[in-house]
Amino acid sequence: MSRYLEALPEIVRVKVAYAPDLVPKLELTWEEARSCGLVEAVEEAVKTGREKIESLKRFGRGYLNAVPDPVIAQMPRHKVAFLVDLLESRGVNIFQDSVILRVGDSVLTLSIEYECG
């Protein structure tokens, strides 16, 4: 377990944002997302992100409220540890690298809030 992970509180905030224009670095299956406790956050990020994208298409880039906000998942530290191990096994260090991943047919960004306890 990395020193960053050891310093996290028992409940960790993980940000998930819809990012269809980015190129994913890796893919998670729905089962892996479920095991990590991310399914609800992924589904909500995709839903709100797609709604905001539609607003951008309709009203143009000047419509500032159309930028998708990240969804915040409150996750137990052990789920975050599982996620970190899974990503590291695929060559991504969540504490140093940008995490851009595909879940199903959607591309998302993912980040951990370090100082949230």
PDB file of N, CA and C in Angstrom:
ATOM      1  N   MET A   1       0.849  -1.175   0.000  1.00  0.00           N
ATOM      2  CA  MET A   1       0.000   0.000   0.000  1.00  0.00           C
ATOM      3  C   MET A   1       0.897   1.242   0.000  1.00  0.00           C
ATOM      4  N   SER A   2       0.602   2.182  -0.877  1.00  0.00           N
ATOM      5  CA  SER A   2       1.441   3.369  -0.986  1.00  0.00           C
ATOM      6  C   SER A   2       1.270   4.274   0.232  1.00  0.00           C
ATOM      7  N   ARG A   3       2.239   5.135   0.441  1.00  0.00           N
ATOM      8  CA  ARG A   3       2.174   6.048   1.586  1.00  0.00           C
ATOM      9  C   ARG A   3       0.995   7.002   1.460  1.00  0.00           C
ATOM     10  N   TYR A   4       0.601   7.331   0.222  1.00  0.00           N
ATOM     11  CA  TYR A   4      -0.568   8.189   0.020  1.00  0.00           C
ATOM     12  C   TYR A   4      -1.827   7.494   0.522  1.00  0.00           C
ATOM     13  N   LEU A   5      -1.954   6.245   0.170  1.00  0.00           N
ATOM     14  CA  LEU A   5      -3.133   5.482   0.545  1.00  0.00           C
ATOM     15  C   LEU A   5      -3.220   5.317   2.056  1.00  0.00           C
ATOM     16  N   GLU A   6      -2.091   5.088   2.684  1.00  0.00           N
ATOM     17  CA  GLU A   6      -2.062   4.938   4.140  1.00  0.00           C
ATOM     18  C   GLU A   6      -2.513   6.203   4.846  1.00  0.00           C
ATOM     19  N   ALA A   7      -2.296   7.359   4.220  1.00  0.00           N
ATOM     20  CA  ALA A   7      -2.641   8.641   4.837  1.00  0.00           C
ATOM     21  C   ALA A   7      -4.097   9.036   4.626  1.00  0.00           C
ATOM     22  N   LEU A   8      -4.826   8.307   3.806  1.00  0.00           N
ATOM     23  CA  LEU A   8      -6.223   8.661   3.535  1.00  0.00           C
ATOM     24  C   LEU A   8      -7.116   8.333   4.734  1.00  0.00           C
ATOM     25  N   PRO A   9      -8.198   9.096   4.888  1.00  0.00           N
ATOM     26  CA  PRO A   9      -9.151   8.802   5.964  1.00  0.00           C
ATOM     27  C   PRO A   9      -9.954   7.539   5.651  1.00  0.00           C
ATOM     28  N   GLU A  10     -10.773   7.115   6.588  1.00  0.00           N
ATOM     29  CA  GLU A  10     -11.584   5.905   6.401  1.00  0.00           C
ATOM     30  C   GLU A  10     -12.572   6.051   5.234  1.00  0.00           C
ATOM     31  N   ILE A  11     -13.125   7.246   5.059  1.00  0.00           N
ATOM     32  CA  ILE A  11     -14.016   7.523   3.932  1.00  0.00           C
ATOM     33  C   ILE A  11     -13.305   8.516   3.022  1.00  0.00           C
ATOM     34  N   VAL A  12     -13.228   8.163   1.745  1.00  0.00           N
ATOM     35  CA  VAL A  12     -12.452   8.931   0.777  1.00  0.00           C
ATOM     36  C   VAL A  12     -13.388   9.454  -0.308  1.00  0.00           C
ATOM     37  N   ARG A  13     -13.155  10.696  -0.705  1.00  0.00           N
ATOM     38  CA  ARG A  13     -13.930  11.284  -1.799  1.00  0.00           C
ATOM     39  C   ARG A  13     -13.197  11.023  -3.112  1.00  0.00           C
ATOM     40  N   VAL A  14     -13.915  10.424  -4.052  1.00  0.00           N
ATOM     41  CA  VAL A  14     -13.362  10.134  -5.376  1.00  0.00           C
ATOM     42  C   VAL A  14     -14.215  10.885  -6.395  1.00  0.00           C
ATOM     43  N   LYS A  15     -13.557  11.680  -7.233  1.00  0.00           N
ATOM     44  CA  LYS A  15     -14.262  12.460  -8.254  1.00  0.00           C
ATOM     45  C   LYS A  15     -14.285  11.681  -9.566  1.00  0.00           C
ATOM     46  N   VAL A  16     -15.459  11.623 -10.168  1.00  0.00           N
ATOM     47  CA  VAL A  16     -15.645  10.957 -11.459  1.00  0.00           C
ATOM     48  C   VAL A  16     -16.323  11.957 -12.388  1.00  0.00           C
ATOM     49  N   ALA A  17     -15.724  12.203 -13.550  1.00  0.00           N
ATOM     50  CA  ALA A  17     -16.292  13.175 -14.489  1.00  0.00           C
ATOM     51  C   ALA A  17     -16.359  12.581 -15.894  1.00  0.00           C
ATOM     52  N   TYR A  18     -17.421  12.893 -16.579  1.00  0.00           N
ATOM     53  CA  TYR A  18     -17.633  12.470 -17.961  1.00  0.00           C
ATOM     54  C   TYR A  18     -16.680  13.256 -18.863  1.00  0.00           C
ATOM     55  N   ALA A  19     -15.953  12.565 -19.728  1.00  0.00           N
ATOM     56  CA  ALA A  19     -14.955  13.217 -20.581  1.00  0.00           C
ATOM     57  C   ALA A  19     -14.901  12.552 -21.951  1.00  0.00           C
ATOM     58  N   PRO A  20     -15.953  12.684 -22.754  1.00  0.00           N
ATOM     59  CA  PRO A  20     -16.019  11.945 -24.014  1.00  0.00           C
ATOM     60  C   PRO A  20     -14.966  12.344 -25.043  1.00  0.00           C
ATOM     61  N   ASP A  21     -14.362  13.527 -24.910  1.00  0.00           N
ATOM     62  CA  ASP A  21     -13.372  13.984 -25.883  1.00  0.00           C
ATOM     63  C   ASP A  21     -11.963  13.494 -25.589  1.00  0.00           C
ATOM     64  N   LEU A  22     -11.750  12.867 -24.442  1.00  0.00           N
ATOM     65  CA  LEU A  22     -10.416  12.405 -24.079  1.00  0.00           C
ATOM     66  C   LEU A  22     -10.179  10.968 -24.544  1.00  0.00           C
ATOM     67  N   VAL A  23      -8.922  10.612 -24.651  1.00  0.00           N
ATOM     68  CA  VAL A  23      -8.543   9.255 -25.051  1.00  0.00           C
ATOM     69  C   VAL A  23      -8.253   8.461 -23.774  1.00  0.00           C
ATOM     70  N   PRO A  24      -8.986   7.366 -23.557  1.00  0.00           N
ATOM     71  CA  PRO A  24      -8.777   6.593 -22.324  1.00  0.00           C
ATOM     72  C   PRO A  24      -7.420   5.889 -22.305  1.00  0.00           C
ATOM     73  N   LYS A  25      -6.843   5.820 -21.101  1.00  0.00           N
ATOM     74  CA  LYS A  25      -5.581   5.101 -20.914  1.00  0.00           C
ATOM     75  C   LYS A  25      -5.819   3.630 -20.603  1.00  0.00           C
ATOM     76  N   LEU A  26      -7.011   3.320 -20.076  1.00  0.00           N
ATOM     77  CA  LEU A  26      -7.329   1.941 -19.745  1.00  0.00           C
ATOM     78  C   LEU A  26      -8.836   1.762 -19.697  1.00  0.00           C
ATOM     79  N   GLU A  27      -9.247   0.524 -19.539  1.00  0.00           N
ATOM     80  CA  GLU A  27     -10.666   0.201 -19.508  1.00  0.00           C
ATOM     81  C   GLU A  27     -10.983  -0.598 -18.246  1.00  0.00           C
ATOM     82  N   LEU A  28     -12.132  -0.268 -17.652  1.00  0.00           N
ATOM     83  CA  LEU A  28     -12.670  -1.068 -16.550  1.00  0.00           C
ATOM     84  C   LEU A  28     -13.961  -1.710 -17.031  1.00  0.00           C
ATOM     85  N   THR A  29     -14.153  -2.950 -16.685  1.00  0.00           N
ATOM     86  CA  THR A  29     -15.436  -3.587 -16.967  1.00  0.00           C
ATOM     87  C   THR A  29     -16.452  -3.080 -15.942  1.00  0.00           C
ATOM     88  N   TRP A  30     -17.718  -3.293 -16.223  1.00  0.00           N
ATOM     89  CA  TRP A  30     -18.748  -2.907 -15.248  1.00  0.00           C
ATOM     90  C   TRP A  30     -18.572  -3.694 -13.955  1.00  0.00           C
ATOM     91  N   GLU A  31     -18.143  -4.940 -14.069  1.00  0.00           N
ATOM     92  CA  GLU A  31     -17.927  -5.757 -12.870  1.00  0.00           C
ATOM     93  C   GLU A  31     -16.797  -5.175 -12.017  1.00  0.00           C
ATOM     94  N   GLU A  32     -15.722  -4.730 -12.655  1.00  0.00           N
ATOM     95  CA  GLU A  32     -14.617  -4.104 -11.914  1.00  0.00           C
ATOM     96  C   GLU A  32     -15.076  -2.797 -11.270  1.00  0.00           C
ATOM     97  N   ALA A  33     -15.846  -2.008 -12.012  1.00  0.00           N
ATOM     98  CA  ALA A  33     -16.382  -0.758 -11.452  1.00  0.00           C
ATOM     99  C   ALA A  33     -17.278  -1.051 -10.251  1.00  0.00           C
ATOM    100  N   ARG A  34     -18.063  -2.118 -10.351  1.00  0.00           N
ATOM    101  CA  ARG A  34     -18.941  -2.526  -9.239  1.00  0.00           C
ATOM    102  C   ARG A  34     -18.103  -2.947  -8.030  1.00  0.00           C
ATOM    103  N   SER A  35     -17.058  -3.709  -8.255  1.00  0.00           N
ATOM    104  CA  SER A  35     -16.186  -4.166  -7.173  1.00  0.00           C
ATOM    105  C   SER A  35     -15.505  -2.997  -6.463  1.00  0.00           C
ATOM    106  N   CYS A  36     -15.238  -1.939  -7.221  1.00  0.00           N
ATOM    107  CA  CYS A  36     -14.594  -0.755  -6.637  1.00  0.00           C
ATOM    108  C   CYS A  36     -15.594   0.197  -5.987  1.00  0.00           C
ATOM    109  N   GLY A  37     -16.881  -0.042  -6.202  1.00  0.00           N
ATOM    110  CA  GLY A  37     -17.896   0.852  -5.653  1.00  0.00           C
ATOM    111  C   GLY A  37     -18.121   2.099  -6.487  1.00  0.00           C
ATOM    112  N   LEU A  38     -17.840   2.012  -7.785  1.00  0.00           N
ATOM    113  CA  LEU A  38     -17.921   3.184  -8.659  1.00  0.00           C
ATOM    114  C   LEU A  38     -19.154   3.245  -9.555  1.00  0.00           C
ATOM    115  N   VAL A  39     -19.961   2.216  -9.596  1.00  0.00           N
ATOM    116  CA  VAL A  39     -21.046   2.156 -10.584  1.00  0.00           C
ATOM    117  C   VAL A  39     -21.992   3.346 -10.479  1.00  0.00           C
ATOM    118  N   GLU A  40     -22.454   3.667  -9.284  1.00  0.00           N
ATOM    119  CA  GLU A  40     -23.388   4.779  -9.111  1.00  0.00           C
ATOM    120  C   GLU A  40     -22.780   6.090  -9.596  1.00  0.00           C
ATOM    121  N   ALA A  41     -21.522   6.343  -9.213  1.00  0.00           N
ATOM    122  CA  ALA A  41     -20.852   7.585  -9.612  1.00  0.00           C
ATOM    123  C   ALA A  41     -20.650   7.628 -11.124  1.00  0.00           C
ATOM    124  N   VAL A  42     -20.267   6.515 -11.726  1.00  0.00           N
ATOM    125  CA  VAL A  42     -20.073   6.457 -13.181  1.00  0.00           C
ATOM    126  C   VAL A  42     -21.395   6.730 -13.892  1.00  0.00           C
ATOM    127  N   GLU A  43     -22.459   6.072 -13.470  1.00  0.00           N
ATOM    128  CA  GLU A  43     -23.757   6.267 -14.111  1.00  0.00           C
ATOM    129  C   GLU A  43     -24.232   7.711 -13.990  1.00  0.00           C
ATOM    130  N   GLU A  44     -24.066   8.317 -12.819  1.00  0.00           N
ATOM    131  CA  GLU A  44     -24.483   9.701 -12.606  1.00  0.00           C
ATOM    132  C   GLU A  44     -23.619  10.664 -13.417  1.00  0.00           C
ATOM    133  N   ALA A  45     -22.306  10.427 -13.461  1.00  0.00           N
ATOM    134  CA  ALA A  45     -21.410  11.288 -14.241  1.00  0.00           C
ATOM    135  C   ALA A  45     -21.759  11.234 -15.727  1.00  0.00           C
ATOM    136  N   VAL A  46     -22.052  10.050 -16.228  1.00  0.00           N
ATOM    137  CA  VAL A  46     -22.410   9.896 -17.645  1.00  0.00           C
ATOM    138  C   VAL A  46     -23.736  10.596 -17.925  1.00  0.00           C
ATOM    139  N   LYS A  47     -24.711  10.388 -17.064  1.00  0.00           N
ATOM    140  CA  LYS A  47     -26.040  10.995 -17.261  1.00  0.00           C
ATOM    141  C   LYS A  47     -25.957  12.513 -17.275  1.00  0.00           C
ATOM    142  N   THR A  48     -25.355  13.100 -16.250  1.00  0.00           N
ATOM    143  CA  THR A  48     -25.283  14.561 -16.191  1.00  0.00           C
ATOM    144  C   THR A  48     -24.338  15.107 -17.255  1.00  0.00           C
ATOM    145  N   GLY A  49     -23.265  14.381 -17.538  1.00  0.00           N
ATOM    146  CA  GLY A  49     -22.337  14.821 -18.575  1.00  0.00           C
ATOM    147  C   GLY A  49     -22.987  14.872 -19.941  1.00  0.00           C
ATOM    148  N   ARG A  50     -23.747  13.869 -20.270  1.00  0.00           N
ATOM    149  CA  ARG A  50     -24.433  13.854 -21.570  1.00  0.00           C
ATOM    150  C   ARG A  50     -25.456  14.974 -21.663  1.00  0.00           C
ATOM    151  N   GLU A  51     -26.149  15.264 -20.563  1.00  0.00           N
ATOM    152  CA  GLU A  51     -27.105  16.373 -20.549  1.00  0.00           C
ATOM    153  C   GLU A  51     -26.390  17.696 -20.802  1.00  0.00           C
ATOM    154  N   LYS A  52     -25.238  17.882 -20.178  1.00  0.00           N
ATOM    155  CA  LYS A  52     -24.476  19.123 -20.350  1.00  0.00           C
ATOM    156  C   LYS A  52     -23.940  19.230 -21.772  1.00  0.00           C
ATOM    157  N   ILE A  53     -23.506  18.121 -22.342  1.00  0.00           N
ATOM    158  CA  ILE A  53     -22.999  18.126 -23.721  1.00  0.00           C
ATOM    159  C   ILE A  53     -24.111  18.545 -24.678  1.00  0.00           C
ATOM    160  N   GLU A  54     -25.315  18.060 -24.427  1.00  0.00           N
ATOM    161  CA  GLU A  54     -26.455  18.458 -25.262  1.00  0.00           C
ATOM    162  C   GLU A  54     -26.690  19.961 -25.167  1.00  0.00           C
ATOM    163  N   SER A  55     -26.540  20.532 -23.974  1.00  0.00           N
ATOM    164  CA  SER A  55     -26.689  21.978 -23.799  1.00  0.00           C
ATOM    165  C   SER A  55     -25.616  22.732 -24.580  1.00  0.00           C
ATOM    166  N   LEU A  56     -24.394  22.208 -24.562  1.00  0.00           N
ATOM    167  CA  LEU A  56     -23.311  22.833 -25.331  1.00  0.00           C
ATOM    168  C   LEU A  56     -23.640  22.841 -26.820  1.00  0.00           C
ATOM    169  N   LYS A  57     -24.140  21.712 -27.295  1.00  0.00           N
ATOM    170  CA  LYS A  57     -24.484  21.621 -28.710  1.00  0.00           C
ATOM    171  C   LYS A  57     -25.614  22.592 -29.055  1.00  0.00           C
ATOM    172  N   ARG A  58     -26.553  22.725 -28.144  1.00  0.00           N
ATOM    173  CA  ARG A  58     -27.728  23.545 -28.395  1.00  0.00           C
ATOM    174  C   ARG A  58     -27.441  25.039 -28.261  1.00  0.00           C
ATOM    175  N   PHE A  59     -26.687  25.410 -27.203  1.00  0.00           N
ATOM    176  CA  PHE A  59     -26.502  26.827 -26.901  1.00  0.00           C
ATOM    177  C   PHE A  59     -25.105  27.360 -27.221  1.00  0.00           C
ATOM    178  N   GLY A  60     -24.172  26.492 -27.556  1.00  0.00           N
ATOM    179  CA  GLY A  60     -22.819  26.933 -27.886  1.00  0.00           C
ATOM    180  C   GLY A  60     -21.899  26.945 -26.679  1.00  0.00           C
ATOM    181  N   ARG A  61     -20.624  27.121 -26.947  1.00  0.00           N
ATOM    182  CA  ARG A  61     -19.600  27.064 -25.897  1.00  0.00           C
ATOM    183  C   ARG A  61     -19.687  28.225 -24.918  1.00  0.00           C
ATOM    184  N   GLY A  62     -20.419  29.256 -25.252  1.00  0.00           N
ATOM    185  CA  GLY A  62     -20.585  30.382 -24.332  1.00  0.00           C
ATOM    186  C   GLY A  62     -21.501  30.060 -23.169  1.00  0.00           C
ATOM    187  N   TYR A  63     -22.164  28.926 -23.230  1.00  0.00           N
ATOM    188  CA  TYR A  63     -23.086  28.502 -22.171  1.00  0.00           C
ATOM    189  C   TYR A  63     -22.281  27.827 -21.067  1.00  0.00           C
ATOM    190  N   LEU A  64     -21.817  28.632 -20.099  1.00  0.00           N
ATOM    191  CA  LEU A  64     -20.868  28.161 -19.094  1.00  0.00           C
ATOM    192  C   LEU A  64     -21.427  27.087 -18.171  1.00  0.00           C
ATOM    193  N   ASN A  65     -22.733  27.058 -17.969  1.00  0.00           N
ATOM    194  CA  ASN A  65     -23.320  26.036 -17.093  1.00  0.00           C
ATOM    195  C   ASN A  65     -23.315  24.654 -17.726  1.00  0.00           C
ATOM    196  N   ALA A  66     -22.853  24.552 -18.954  1.00  0.00           N
ATOM    197  CA  ALA A  66     -22.867  23.269 -19.647  1.00  0.00           C
ATOM    198  C   ALA A  66     -21.623  22.432 -19.365  1.00  0.00           C
ATOM    199  N   VAL A  67     -20.651  22.987 -18.674  1.00  0.00           N
ATOM    200  CA  VAL A  67     -19.457  22.216 -18.348  1.00  0.00           C
ATOM    201  C   VAL A  67     -19.815  21.187 -17.277  1.00  0.00           C
ATOM    202  N   PRO A  68     -19.612  19.898 -17.560  1.00  0.00           N
ATOM    203  CA  PRO A  68     -20.011  18.864 -16.592  1.00  0.00           C
ATOM    204  C   PRO A  68     -19.208  18.946 -15.291  1.00  0.00           C
ATOM    205  N   ASP A  69     -19.909  18.946 -14.181  1.00  0.00           N
ATOM    206  CA  ASP A  69     -19.258  18.885 -12.876  1.00  0.00           C
ATOM    207  C   ASP A  69     -18.970  17.432 -12.545  1.00  0.00           C
ATOM    208  N   PRO A  70     -17.897  17.190 -11.798  1.00  0.00           N
ATOM    209  CA  PRO A  70     -17.637  15.797 -11.405  1.00  0.00           C
ATOM    210  C   PRO A  70     -18.648  15.322 -10.377  1.00  0.00           C
ATOM    211  N   VAL A  71     -18.870  14.038 -10.378  1.00  0.00           N
ATOM    212  CA  VAL A  71     -19.693  13.395  -9.352  1.00  0.00           C
ATOM    213  C   VAL A  71     -18.741  12.965  -8.246  1.00  0.00           C
ATOM    214  N   ILE A  72     -19.136  13.174  -7.016  1.00  0.00           N
ATOM    215  CA  ILE A  72     -18.293  12.810  -5.878  1.00  0.00           C
ATOM    216  C   ILE A  72     -18.827  11.508  -5.274  1.00  0.00           C
ATOM    217  N   ALA A  73     -17.981  10.490  -5.281  1.00  0.00           N
ATOM    218  CA  ALA A  73     -18.321   9.212  -4.637  1.00  0.00           C
ATOM    219  C   ALA A  73     -17.632   9.163  -3.280  1.00  0.00           C
ATOM    220  N   GLN A  74     -18.379   8.863  -2.246  1.00  0.00           N
ATOM    221  CA  GLN A  74     -17.811   8.673  -0.907  1.00  0.00           C
ATOM    222  C   GLN A  74     -17.524   7.183  -0.771  1.00  0.00           C
ATOM    223  N   MET A  75     -16.239   6.831  -0.727  1.00  0.00           N
ATOM    224  CA  MET A  75     -15.862   5.417  -0.747  1.00  0.00           C
ATOM    225  C   MET A  75     -15.041   5.047   0.477  1.00  0.00           C
ATOM    226  N   PRO A  76     -15.252   3.845   1.012  1.00  0.00           N
ATOM    227  CA  PRO A  76     -14.393   3.382   2.099  1.00  0.00           C
ATOM    228  C   PRO A  76     -12.959   3.193   1.603  1.00  0.00           C
ATOM    229  N   ARG A  77     -12.009   3.408   2.495  1.00  0.00           N
ATOM    230  CA  ARG A  77     -10.594   3.311   2.129  1.00  0.00           C
ATOM    231  C   ARG A  77     -10.263   1.961   1.495  1.00  0.00           C
ATOM    232  N   HIS A  78     -10.852   0.852   1.973  1.00  0.00           N
ATOM    233  CA  HIS A  78     -10.510  -0.457   1.406  1.00  0.00           C
ATOM    234  C   HIS A  78     -10.955  -0.582  -0.053  1.00  0.00           C
ATOM    235  N   LYS A  79     -12.059   0.092  -0.432  1.00  0.00           N
ATOM    236  CA  LYS A  79     -12.480   0.083  -1.845  1.00  0.00           C
ATOM    237  C   LYS A  79     -11.503   0.890  -2.696  1.00  0.00           C
ATOM    238  N   VAL A  80     -11.048   2.012  -2.140  1.00  0.00           N
ATOM    239  CA  VAL A  80     -10.071   2.828  -2.845  1.00  0.00           C
ATOM    240  C   VAL A  80      -8.766   2.042  -2.999  1.00  0.00           C
ATOM    241  N   ALA A  81      -8.380   1.302  -1.970  1.00  0.00           N
ATOM    242  CA  ALA A  81      -7.168   0.479  -2.043  1.00  0.00           C
ATOM    243  C   ALA A  81      -7.300  -0.553  -3.163  1.00  0.00           C
ATOM    244  N   PHE A  82      -8.475  -1.175  -3.283  1.00  0.00           N
ATOM    245  CA  PHE A  82      -8.715  -2.137  -4.361  1.00  0.00           C
ATOM    246  C   PHE A  82      -8.591  -1.454  -5.723  1.00  0.00           C
ATOM    247  N   LEU A  83      -9.191  -0.262  -5.855  1.00  0.00           N
ATOM    248  CA  LEU A  83      -9.122   0.498  -7.099  1.00  0.00           C
ATOM    249  C   LEU A  83      -7.675   0.851  -7.445  1.00  0.00           C
ATOM    250  N   VAL A  84      -6.929   1.329  -6.458  1.00  0.00           N
ATOM    251  CA  VAL A  84      -5.521   1.696  -6.676  1.00  0.00           C
ATOM    252  C   VAL A  84      -4.720   0.479  -7.138  1.00  0.00           C
ATOM    253  N   ASP A  85      -4.909  -0.651  -6.465  1.00  0.00           N
ATOM    254  CA  ASP A  85      -4.199  -1.875  -6.864  1.00  0.00           C
ATOM    255  C   ASP A  85      -4.561  -2.286  -8.288  1.00  0.00           C
ATOM    256  N   LEU A  86      -5.836  -2.207  -8.623  1.00  0.00           N
ATOM    257  CA  LEU A  86      -6.296  -2.574  -9.960  1.00  0.00           C
ATOM    258  C   LEU A  86      -5.657  -1.682 -11.022  1.00  0.00           C
ATOM    259  N   LEU A  87      -5.663  -0.381 -10.783  1.00  0.00           N
ATOM    260  CA  LEU A  87      -5.081   0.543 -11.745  1.00  0.00           C
ATOM    261  C   LEU A  87      -3.565   0.376 -11.842  1.00  0.00           C
ATOM    262  N   GLU A  88      -2.914   0.190 -10.696  1.00  0.00           N
ATOM    263  CA  GLU A  88      -1.457  -0.009 -10.716  1.00  0.00           C
ATOM    264  C   GLU A  88      -1.073  -1.283 -11.454  1.00  0.00           C
ATOM    265  N   SER A  89      -1.917  -2.320 -11.368  1.00  0.00           N
ATOM    266  CA  SER A  89      -1.625  -3.560 -12.089  1.00  0.00           C
ATOM    267  C   SER A  89      -1.685  -3.357 -13.606  1.00  0.00           C
ATOM    268  N   ARG A  90      -2.294  -2.248 -14.015  1.00  0.00           N
ATOM    269  CA  ARG A  90      -2.387  -1.922 -15.441  1.00  0.00           C
ATOM    270  C   ARG A  90      -1.482  -0.757 -15.817  1.00  0.00           C
ATOM    271  N   GLY A  91      -0.567  -0.418 -14.920  1.00  0.00           N
ATOM    272  CA  GLY A  91       0.438   0.588 -15.241  1.00  0.00           C
ATOM    273  C   GLY A  91       0.065   2.028 -14.962  1.00  0.00           C
ATOM    274  N   VAL A  92      -1.010   2.267 -14.219  1.00  0.00           N
ATOM    275  CA  VAL A  92      -1.429   3.638 -13.922  1.00  0.00           C
ATOM    276  C   VAL A  92      -1.295   3.893 -12.425  1.00  0.00           C
ATOM    277  N   ASN A  93      -0.571   4.938 -12.070  1.00  0.00           N
ATOM    278  CA  ASN A  93      -0.444   5.350 -10.680  1.00  0.00           C
ATOM    279  C   ASN A  93      -1.437   6.481 -10.444  1.00  0.00           C
ATOM    280  N   ILE A  94      -2.520   6.189  -9.751  1.00  0.00           N
ATOM    281  CA  ILE A  94      -3.594   7.156  -9.559  1.00  0.00           C
ATOM    282  C   ILE A  94      -3.130   8.394  -8.791  1.00  0.00           C
ATOM    283  N   PHE A  95      -2.038   8.271  -8.036  1.00  0.00           N
ATOM    284  CA  PHE A  95      -1.539   9.391  -7.254  1.00  0.00           C
ATOM    285  C   PHE A  95      -0.589  10.293  -8.042  1.00  0.00           C
ATOM    286  N   GLN A  96      -0.178   9.862  -9.254  1.00  0.00           N
ATOM    287  CA  GLN A  96       0.741  10.664 -10.062  1.00  0.00           C
ATOM    288  C   GLN A  96       0.246  10.894 -11.484  1.00  0.00           C
ATOM    289  N   ASP A  97      -0.496   9.966 -12.036  1.00  0.00           N
ATOM    290  CA  ASP A  97      -0.919  10.047 -13.431  1.00  0.00           C
ATOM    291  C   ASP A  97      -2.351  10.570 -13.533  1.00  0.00           C
ATOM    292  N   SER A  98      -2.657  11.170 -14.686  1.00  0.00           N
ATOM    293  CA  SER A  98      -4.052  11.482 -14.998  1.00  0.00           C
ATOM    294  C   SER A  98      -4.748  10.152 -15.257  1.00  0.00           C
ATOM    295  N   VAL A  99      -5.893   9.966 -14.660  1.00  0.00           N
ATOM    296  CA  VAL A  99      -6.614   8.714 -14.858  1.00  0.00           C
ATOM    297  C   VAL A  99      -7.806   8.984 -15.773  1.00  0.00           C
ATOM    298  N   ILE A 100      -7.672   8.490 -16.997  1.00  0.00           N
ATOM    299  CA  ILE A 100      -8.732   8.597 -17.994  1.00  0.00           C
ATOM    300  C   ILE A 100      -9.081   7.167 -18.366  1.00  0.00           C
ATOM    301  N   LEU A 101     -10.319   6.785 -18.094  1.00  0.00           N
ATOM    302  CA  LEU A 101     -10.680   5.390 -18.322  1.00  0.00           C
ATOM    303  C   LEU A 101     -12.009   5.247 -19.029  1.00  0.00           C
ATOM    304  N   ARG A 102     -12.170   4.094 -19.623  1.00  0.00           N
ATOM    305  CA  ARG A 102     -13.420   3.747 -20.293  1.00  0.00           C
ATOM    306  C   ARG A 102     -14.144   2.732 -19.421  1.00  0.00           C
ATOM    307  N   VAL A 103     -15.420   2.998 -19.209  1.00  0.00           N
ATOM    308  CA  VAL A 103     -16.302   2.030 -18.554  1.00  0.00           C
ATOM    309  C   VAL A 103     -17.489   1.877 -19.493  1.00  0.00           C
ATOM    310  N   GLY A 104     -17.667   0.686 -20.020  1.00  0.00           N
ATOM    311  CA  GLY A 104     -18.704   0.490 -21.032  1.00  0.00           C
ATOM    312  C   GLY A 104     -18.338   1.304 -22.265  1.00  0.00           C
ATOM    313  N   ASP A 105     -19.275   2.149 -22.719  1.00  0.00           N
ATOM    314  CA  ASP A 105     -18.988   2.976 -23.894  1.00  0.00           C
ATOM    315  C   ASP A 105     -18.693   4.425 -23.524  1.00  0.00           C
ATOM    316  N   SER A 106     -18.414   4.694 -22.253  1.00  0.00           N
ATOM    317  CA  SER A 106     -18.182   6.062 -21.790  1.00  0.00           C
ATOM    318  C   SER A 106     -16.743   6.258 -21.316  1.00  0.00           C
ATOM    319  N   VAL A 107     -16.216   7.457 -21.574  1.00  0.00           N
ATOM    320  CA  VAL A 107     -14.881   7.827 -21.121  1.00  0.00           C
ATOM    321  C   VAL A 107     -15.039   8.796 -19.956  1.00  0.00           C
ATOM    322  N   LEU A 108     -14.267   8.545 -18.895  1.00  0.00           N
ATOM    323  CA  LEU A 108     -14.363   9.343 -17.679  1.00  0.00           C
ATOM    324  C   LEU A 108     -12.980   9.656 -17.132  1.00  0.00           C
ATOM    325  N   THR A 109     -12.910  10.711 -16.330  1.00  0.00           N
ATOM    326  CA  THR A 109     -11.700  10.974 -15.557  1.00  0.00           C
ATOM    327  C   THR A 109     -12.004  10.598 -14.119  1.00  0.00           C
ATOM    328  N   LEU A 110     -10.955  10.278 -13.389  1.00  0.00           N
ATOM    329  CA  LEU A 110     -11.121   9.834 -12.011  1.00  0.00           C
ATOM    330  C   LEU A 110      -9.983  10.424 -11.178  1.00  0.00           C
ATOM    331  N   SER A 111     -10.314  10.939 -10.000  1.00  0.00           N
ATOM    332  CA  SER A 111      -9.270  11.447  -9.113  1.00  0.00           C
ATOM    333  C   SER A 111      -9.688  11.259  -7.661  1.00  0.00           C
ATOM    334  N   ILE A 112      -8.694  11.129  -6.819  1.00  0.00           N
ATOM    335  CA  ILE A 112      -8.910  10.966  -5.376  1.00  0.00           C
ATOM    336  C   ILE A 112      -8.596  12.287  -4.698  1.00  0.00           C
ATOM    337  N   GLU A 113      -9.450  12.701  -3.776  1.00  0.00           N
ATOM    338  CA  GLU A 113      -9.156  13.882  -2.969  1.00  0.00           C
ATOM    339  C   GLU A 113      -8.283  13.433  -1.814  1.00  0.00           C
ATOM    340  N   TYR A 114      -7.083  13.965  -1.755  1.00  0.00           N
ATOM    341  CA  TYR A 114      -6.115  13.543  -0.739  1.00  0.00           C
ATOM    342  C   TYR A 114      -6.457  14.040   0.655  1.00  0.00           C
ATOM    343  N   GLU A 115      -6.870  15.282   0.775  1.00  0.00           N
ATOM    344  CA  GLU A 115      -7.062  15.912   2.084  1.00  0.00           C
ATOM    345  C   GLU A 115      -8.547  16.070   2.350  1.00  0.00           C
ATOM    346  N   CYS A 116      -9.228  14.993   2.591  1.00  0.00           N
ATOM    347  CA  CYS A 116     -10.678  15.099   2.756  1.00  0.00           C
ATOM    348  C   CYS A 116     -11.163  14.559   4.095  1.00  0.00           C
ATOM    349  N   GLY A 117     -10.290  14.333   5.023  1.00  0.00           N
ATOM    350  CA  GLY A 117     -10.711  13.742   6.267  1.00  0.00           C
ATOM    351  C   GLY A 117     -10.739  14.621   7.404  1.00  0.00           C
TER     352      GLY A 117
END
